[in-house]
């Protein structure tokens, strides 16, 4: 029974590591530069493939964002059920926000197609509506989604710190990175910063920690002695 539990933990660690990497990769491909440009109403429809690739990549992020805390729950709940359940809840909420972001992105594409049909006629109407949609997309992606998923990662790293399933330097860096990322989203929400270098720098630590954690889980897995003690 103990051997089966250890094997299950090893498998969960590898899959979690893969999901972390998948989340980072799909996150990069979900960036749609044409939407962020000043002339997005004109260029979005002419670069439809870029928008659709971004939307599809963002949709794939749901698998990682929701899958990671759910996959970890059976292991981590044996030590801290409340935090493990909270991580799952935040992960699922983040998945919902991601889907909302995809919907807004596709609405922007539709708006661009309509704008191409009418030209400059009622241009101010399209600009106003497009501005609202872009604003909503930024708030959903960089505030709502980030806050919920990073909160899930904070709880996950908190349990890692308690259980020593991974080295404490790794879980501590995750806790610090999570706090910095949450700070970045809050500062962006109150318009103290934009999607600029400061925002990116505050998010680099958690992204780097997730990459290192992913590699660690795939290669090393969980600390076997600590995993066995948690199982008992």
Protein backbone atom coordinates (compact mmCIF):
# COMPACT_ATOMS: atom_id res chain seq x y z
CA UNK A 1 0.00 0.00 0.00
CA UNK A 2 2.85 2.33 0.89
CA UNK A 3 4.62 1.53 -2.39
CA UNK A 4 1.42 2.23 -4.34
CA UNK A 5 1.01 5.57 -2.57
CA UNK A 6 4.61 6.52 -3.31
CA UNK A 7 4.19 5.61 -6.99
CA UNK A 8 0.99 7.64 -7.16
CA UNK A 9 2.78 10.61 -5.61
CA UNK A 10 5.63 10.29 -8.11
CA UNK A 11 3.20 10.20 -11.02
CA UNK A 12 1.30 13.21 -9.68
CA UNK A 13 4.57 15.12 -9.29
CA UNK A 14 5.58 14.48 -12.91
CA UNK A 15 2.16 15.41 -14.31
CA UNK A 16 2.08 18.55 -12.17
CA UNK A 17 5.51 19.53 -13.46
CA UNK A 18 4.34 19.05 -17.04
CA UNK A 19 1.23 21.15 -16.35
CA UNK A 20 3.37 23.96 -14.93
CA UNK A 21 5.46 24.03 -18.10
CA UNK A 22 2.33 23.79 -20.25
CA UNK A 23 0.84 26.75 -18.39
CA UNK A 24 3.96 28.85 -18.98
CA UNK A 25 4.18 27.93 -22.68
CA UNK A 26 0.49 28.48 -23.42
CA UNK A 27 0.71 31.74 -21.48
CA UNK A 28 3.40 32.97 -23.87
CA UNK A 29 1.40 31.93 -26.94
CA UNK A 30 -1.75 33.57 -25.55
CA UNK A 31 -0.18 37.01 -25.99
CA UNK A 32 -1.81 38.77 -28.95
CA UNK A 33 0.31 41.80 -29.95
CA UNK A 34 -2.14 42.92 -32.63
CA UNK A 35 -4.85 43.45 -30.00
CA UNK A 36 -2.55 45.53 -27.84
CA UNK A 37 -1.62 47.86 -30.70
CA UNK A 38 -3.18 51.27 -31.29
CA UNK A 39 -4.77 50.23 -34.59
CA UNK A 40 -6.21 46.96 -33.30
CA UNK A 41 -9.62 47.59 -34.86
CA UNK A 42 -8.04 47.54 -38.31
CA UNK A 43 -5.38 44.88 -37.84
CA UNK A 44 -7.24 42.31 -35.71
CA UNK A 45 -9.44 41.16 -38.59
CA UNK A 46 -6.50 41.07 -41.02
CA UNK A 47 -4.47 39.04 -38.52
CA UNK A 48 -7.27 36.71 -37.50
CA UNK A 49 -5.00 33.67 -37.23
CA UNK A 50 -2.88 35.43 -34.58
CA UNK A 51 -5.98 36.23 -32.55
CA UNK A 52 -7.36 32.69 -32.85
CA UNK A 53 -4.02 31.14 -31.87
CA UNK A 54 -3.94 33.41 -28.84
CA UNK A 55 -7.51 32.48 -27.90
CA UNK A 56 -6.85 28.76 -28.31
CA UNK A 57 -3.62 28.97 -26.29
CA UNK A 58 -5.40 30.89 -23.55
CA UNK A 59 -8.11 28.25 -23.48
CA UNK A 60 -5.48 25.54 -23.02
CA UNK A 61 -4.24 27.43 -19.96
CA UNK A 62 -7.44 26.33 -18.21
CA UNK A 63 -6.16 22.74 -18.18
CA UNK A 64 -3.01 23.79 -16.34
CA UNK A 65 -4.52 26.37 -14.01
CA UNK A 66 -7.34 24.10 -12.90
CA UNK A 67 -5.46 20.82 -13.19
CA UNK A 68 -2.49 21.65 -10.95
CA UNK A 69 -4.37 22.25 -7.66
CA UNK A 70 -6.84 19.43 -8.38
CA UNK A 71 -4.00 16.99 -9.03
CA UNK A 72 -2.23 18.06 -5.85
CA UNK A 73 -5.33 17.90 -3.66
CA UNK A 74 -5.26 14.16 -2.76
CA UNK A 75 -1.68 14.48 -1.54
CA UNK A 76 -1.75 17.90 0.12
CA UNK A 77 -5.19 17.56 1.73
CA UNK A 78 -3.80 14.85 4.01
CA UNK A 79 -1.68 17.51 5.67
CA UNK A 80 -3.70 20.72 5.31
CA UNK A 81 -7.16 20.09 3.91
CA UNK A 82 -8.33 23.69 4.23
CA UNK A 83 -5.44 25.19 2.27
CA UNK A 84 -5.55 22.39 -0.31
CA UNK A 85 -9.27 22.95 -0.84
CA UNK A 86 -8.72 26.70 -1.07
CA UNK A 87 -6.07 26.13 -3.74
CA UNK A 88 -8.53 24.05 -5.78
CA UNK A 89 -11.24 26.70 -5.42
CA UNK A 90 -8.93 29.50 -6.54
CA UNK A 91 -7.71 27.37 -9.45
CA UNK A 92 -11.24 26.71 -10.68
CA UNK A 93 -12.17 30.40 -10.37
CA UNK A 94 -9.03 31.30 -12.33
CA UNK A 95 -10.15 28.88 -15.06
CA UNK A 96 -13.51 30.65 -15.27
CA UNK A 97 -11.79 34.02 -15.61
CA UNK A 98 -9.55 32.65 -18.37
CA UNK A 99 -12.62 31.59 -20.34
CA UNK A 100 -14.06 35.07 -19.84
CA UNK A 101 -10.83 36.52 -21.25
CA UNK A 102 -11.11 34.27 -24.30
CA UNK A 103 -14.69 35.40 -24.91
CA UNK A 104 -13.68 39.08 -24.73
CA UNK A 105 -10.80 38.43 -27.14
CA UNK A 106 -13.17 36.82 -29.67
CA UNK A 107 -15.58 39.74 -29.23
CA UNK A 108 -12.74 42.11 -30.13
CA UNK A 109 -12.11 40.06 -33.27
CA UNK A 110 -15.80 40.27 -34.19
CA UNK A 111 -15.77 44.02 -33.56
CA UNK A 112 -12.77 44.37 -35.86
CA UNK A 113 -14.60 42.51 -38.64
CA UNK A 114 -17.61 44.79 -38.23
CA UNK A 115 -15.37 47.85 -38.25
CA UNK A 116 -13.83 46.66 -41.53
CA UNK A 117 -17.31 46.51 -43.08
CA UNK A 118 -18.39 50.05 -42.19
CA UNK A 119 -15.01 51.76 -42.46
CA UNK A 120 -14.82 55.08 -40.62
CA UNK A 121 -18.60 55.31 -40.36
CA UNK A 122 -19.53 55.42 -36.66
CA UNK A 123 -15.82 55.10 -35.94
CA UNK A 124 -16.11 56.71 -32.51
CA UNK A 125 -18.70 54.09 -31.49
CA UNK A 126 -16.33 51.25 -32.42
CA UNK A 127 -13.42 52.96 -30.69
CA UNK A 128 -15.42 53.38 -27.48
CA UNK A 129 -16.71 49.82 -27.49
CA UNK A 130 -13.29 48.44 -28.41
CA UNK A 131 -11.66 50.45 -25.63
CA UNK A 132 -14.09 49.06 -23.08
CA UNK A 133 -13.51 45.50 -24.28
CA UNK A 134 -9.74 45.89 -24.15
CA UNK A 135 -9.98 47.42 -20.68
CA UNK A 136 -12.16 44.54 -19.56
CA UNK A 137 -9.77 42.00 -21.06
CA UNK A 138 -6.80 43.54 -19.24
CA UNK A 139 -8.65 43.51 -15.93
CA UNK A 140 -9.79 39.91 -16.41
CA UNK A 141 -6.38 38.64 -17.53
CA UNK A 142 -4.01 40.67 -15.38
CA UNK A 143 -6.09 41.22 -12.25
CA UNK A 144 -8.85 38.63 -11.81
CA UNK A 145 -7.06 35.62 -13.36
CA UNK A 146 -3.66 36.46 -11.91
CA UNK A 147 -4.96 37.14 -8.39
CA UNK A 148 -6.94 33.91 -8.22
CA UNK A 149 -4.32 31.61 -9.74
CA UNK A 150 -1.43 33.14 -7.81
CA UNK A 151 -3.51 32.81 -4.63
CA UNK A 152 -3.86 29.11 -5.47
CA UNK A 153 -0.08 28.88 -5.92
CA UNK A 154 0.51 30.71 -2.63
CA UNK A 155 -1.55 28.14 -0.75
CA UNK A 156 0.14 25.30 -2.62
CA UNK A 157 3.62 26.61 -1.79
CA UNK A 158 2.51 27.20 1.81
CA UNK A 159 1.68 23.50 2.15
CA UNK A 160 4.93 22.60 0.42
CA UNK A 161 6.73 24.70 3.02
CA UNK A 162 4.91 22.94 5.86
CA UNK A 163 5.42 19.43 4.54
CA UNK A 164 8.89 19.80 2.99
CA UNK A 165 7.66 17.77 0.00
CA UNK A 166 9.98 20.02 -2.00
CA UNK A 167 13.03 21.91 -0.68
CA UNK A 168 12.09 24.87 1.45
CA UNK A 169 14.15 27.29 -0.65
CA UNK A 170 11.85 26.37 -3.52
CA UNK A 171 8.60 26.81 -1.58
CA UNK A 172 9.83 30.06 0.03
CA UNK A 173 10.71 31.50 -3.38
CA UNK A 174 7.20 30.54 -4.49
CA UNK A 175 5.65 32.36 -1.54
CA UNK A 176 7.72 35.48 -2.21
CA UNK A 177 7.03 35.32 -5.95
CA UNK A 178 3.30 34.95 -5.29
CA UNK A 179 3.26 38.03 -3.06
CA UNK A 180 5.11 40.08 -5.69
CA UNK A 181 2.74 38.94 -8.42
CA UNK A 182 -0.30 39.79 -6.30
CA UNK A 183 1.24 43.20 -5.63
CA UNK A 184 1.71 43.74 -9.38
CA UNK A 185 -1.95 42.97 -10.08
CA UNK A 186 -3.18 45.23 -7.30
CA UNK A 187 -0.97 48.10 -8.46
CA UNK A 188 -2.23 47.59 -12.02
CA UNK A 189 -5.83 47.50 -10.80
CA UNK A 190 -5.51 50.92 -9.12
CA UNK A 191 -3.63 52.22 -12.18
CA UNK A 192 -0.43 52.91 -10.26
CA UNK A 193 1.44 50.92 -12.91
CA UNK A 194 0.56 49.72 -16.39
CA UNK A 195 1.53 46.63 -18.33
CA UNK A 196 5.09 47.92 -18.29
CA UNK A 197 8.54 46.85 -17.19
CA UNK A 198 7.63 47.19 -13.50
CA UNK A 199 4.65 44.88 -13.90
CA UNK A 200 6.73 42.33 -15.78
CA UNK A 201 9.59 42.43 -13.28
CA UNK A 202 7.21 41.80 -10.38
CA UNK A 203 5.88 38.73 -12.19
CA UNK A 204 9.25 37.29 -13.24
CA UNK A 205 10.03 35.66 -9.84
CA UNK A 206 6.85 33.52 -9.74
CA UNK A 207 7.25 32.52 -13.39
CA UNK A 208 10.87 31.49 -12.78
CA UNK A 209 9.91 29.63 -9.60
CA UNK A 210 7.20 27.71 -11.45
CA UNK A 211 9.70 26.69 -14.11
CA UNK A 212 12.24 25.52 -11.52
CA UNK A 213 9.51 23.76 -9.52
CA UNK A 214 8.27 22.04 -12.68
CA UNK A 215 11.75 20.74 -13.50
CA UNK A 216 12.26 19.63 -9.89
CA UNK A 217 8.96 17.74 -9.79
CA UNK A 218 9.66 16.00 -13.10
CA UNK A 219 13.21 14.98 -12.23
CA UNK A 220 13.19 14.62 -8.43
CA UNK A 221 9.52 14.36 -7.50
CA UNK A 222 8.44 14.83 -3.90
CA UNK A 223 10.69 14.10 -0.96
CA UNK A 224 9.87 10.44 -0.36
CA UNK A 225 10.38 10.45 3.41
CA UNK A 226 8.17 13.50 3.86
CA UNK A 227 5.57 12.11 1.46
CA UNK A 228 5.40 8.86 3.43
CA UNK A 229 5.00 10.77 6.69
CA UNK A 230 2.17 12.86 5.19
CA UNK A 231 0.51 9.69 3.86
CA UNK A 232 0.54 8.21 7.34
